[in-house]
Protein backbone atom coordinates (compact mmCIF):
# COMPACT_ATOMS: atom_id res chain seq x y z
CA MET A 1 -3.27 47.32 -26.45
CA PRO A 2 -4.25 47.16 -22.73
CA ARG A 3 -2.05 45.53 -20.22
CA ALA A 4 -3.44 42.13 -18.96
CA LYS A 5 -2.72 41.53 -15.31
CA ARG A 6 -4.35 38.03 -15.02
CA GLY A 7 -5.77 38.99 -11.67
CA PHE A 8 -8.65 36.50 -11.43
CA LYS A 9 -6.91 33.59 -13.22
CA ALA A 10 -3.68 33.96 -11.27
CA ARG A 11 -5.46 34.18 -7.97
CA ARG A 12 -7.47 30.99 -8.81
CA ARG A 13 -4.23 29.15 -9.72
CA HIS A 14 -2.46 30.29 -6.67
CA ASN A 15 -5.37 29.33 -4.44
CA ARG A 16 -5.57 25.92 -5.98
CA ILE A 17 -1.94 25.26 -5.17
CA LEU A 18 -2.16 26.73 -1.62
CA LYS A 19 -5.26 24.58 -0.98
CA LEU A 20 -3.18 21.48 -1.78
CA ALA A 21 -0.40 22.73 0.46
CA LYS A 22 -2.74 23.10 3.44
CA GLY A 23 -1.17 21.46 6.50
CA TYR A 24 2.45 21.81 5.31
CA ARG A 25 4.77 23.51 7.85
CA GLY A 26 5.93 27.07 7.64
CA SER A 27 6.20 28.88 4.34
CA HIS A 28 5.36 25.76 2.39
CA SER A 29 1.73 26.41 3.16
CA LYS A 30 1.79 30.14 3.04
CA LEU A 31 4.08 31.29 0.09
CA PHE A 32 3.10 30.35 -3.48
CA ARG A 33 6.61 29.64 -4.77
CA SER A 34 7.52 27.41 -1.78
CA ALA A 35 4.11 25.74 -1.94
CA VAL A 36 4.48 24.93 -5.63
CA GLU A 37 7.64 23.00 -4.92
CA ALA A 38 6.29 21.17 -1.92
CA VAL A 39 3.01 20.23 -3.63
CA GLN A 40 4.79 18.87 -6.72
CA ARG A 41 7.19 16.80 -4.56
CA GLY A 42 4.21 15.69 -2.48
CA LEU A 43 2.31 14.58 -5.57
CA CYS A 44 5.27 12.65 -6.93
CA TYR A 45 5.58 10.82 -3.57
CA ALA A 46 1.86 9.98 -3.49
CA TYR A 47 2.03 8.53 -6.96
CA ARG A 48 5.11 6.52 -6.09
CA ASP A 49 3.76 5.40 -2.76
CA ARG A 50 0.40 4.17 -4.19
CA LYS A 51 2.46 1.51 -6.03
CA GLN A 52 4.71 0.76 -2.98
CA ARG A 53 1.74 0.29 -0.71
CA LYS A 54 0.76 -2.81 -2.71
CA ARG A 55 4.32 -4.19 -2.39
CA ALA A 56 4.52 -3.47 1.26
CA PHE A 57 1.25 -5.28 2.04
CA ARG A 58 2.22 -8.36 -0.03
CA ARG A 59 5.54 -8.59 1.95
CA LEU A 60 3.60 -8.28 5.19
CA TRP A 61 1.14 -11.07 4.26
CA ILE A 62 4.05 -13.29 3.21
CA VAL A 63 5.83 -12.75 6.57
CA ARG A 64 2.55 -13.53 8.44
CA ILE A 65 1.85 -16.74 6.46
CA ASN A 66 5.43 -17.85 6.94
CA ALA A 67 5.29 -17.29 10.73
CA ALA A 68 2.03 -19.13 10.94
CA VAL A 69 3.15 -22.27 8.97
CA ARG A 70 6.47 -22.65 10.85
CA PRO A 71 4.83 -24.39 13.85
CA PHE A 72 3.50 -26.96 11.46
CA GLY A 73 7.00 -27.83 10.27
CA MET A 74 6.65 -26.22 6.84
CA SER A 75 8.31 -23.26 5.09
CA TYR A 76 6.28 -20.63 3.19
CA SER A 77 7.38 -21.85 -0.28
CA ARG A 78 6.53 -25.46 0.49
CA PHE A 79 3.11 -24.35 1.90
CA MET A 80 2.32 -22.41 -1.21
CA HIS A 81 3.43 -25.31 -3.43
CA GLY A 82 1.16 -27.60 -1.41
CA LEU A 83 -1.81 -25.21 -1.84
CA LYS A 84 -1.11 -25.08 -5.63
CA LEU A 85 -0.97 -28.99 -5.84
CA SER A 86 -4.20 -29.18 -3.70
CA GLN A 87 -5.95 -26.63 -5.96
CA ILE A 88 -6.81 -24.22 -3.13
CA ASP A 89 -7.09 -20.75 -4.57
CA LEU A 90 -6.75 -18.48 -1.62
CA ASP A 91 -4.77 -15.29 -2.16
CA ARG A 92 -2.14 -14.24 0.36
CA ARG A 93 -4.38 -11.62 1.93
CA ALA A 94 -7.04 -14.21 2.72
CA LEU A 95 -4.39 -16.63 4.06
CA ALA A 96 -2.78 -13.99 6.33
CA ASP A 97 -6.25 -13.05 7.66
CA LEU A 98 -7.04 -16.70 8.40
CA ALA A 99 -3.62 -17.11 10.06
CA VAL A 100 -4.22 -14.10 12.30
CA PHE A 101 -7.94 -14.23 13.09
CA ASP A 102 -8.94 -17.93 12.64
CA ALA A 103 -6.10 -20.34 13.57
CA SER A 104 -8.23 -23.45 13.49
CA ALA A 105 -9.32 -22.84 9.84
CA PHE A 106 -5.77 -22.05 8.90
CA ALA A 107 -4.55 -25.30 10.46
CA GLN A 108 -7.05 -27.24 8.25
CA VAL A 109 -5.73 -25.40 5.16
CA VAL A 110 -2.21 -26.32 6.25
CA SER A 111 -3.13 -30.03 6.74
CA LEU A 112 -4.64 -30.05 3.22
CA ALA A 113 -1.62 -28.55 1.72
CA LYS A 114 0.68 -30.91 3.65
CA SER A 115 -1.20 -33.94 2.52
CA LYS A 116 -0.65 -33.17 -1.11
CA LEU A 117 3.16 -32.79 -0.86
């Protein structure tokens, strides 16, 4: 039986990994064995951080909303409770954008929430 060297298949597999490792420093982008480890680790981090990005942005929006309602003499939790009572269905992203870019509209939303408390 002839010896199979897997020339084309192996080269294609190596090139696929090395293409993913492009931009990595040193041997991590040049040597196949190092590149495999680096790419696997990078893909794990990418999967994990796609979930963490959502958490991080939600935390940022909450901080921005809290900072914006403090001058009106309210806390974040009381503001959100007032919104729920007044049946205003704006998500945290929209509220944070209002707080940053349109202070007058945000002030109206705060007054509506405050009136229902």
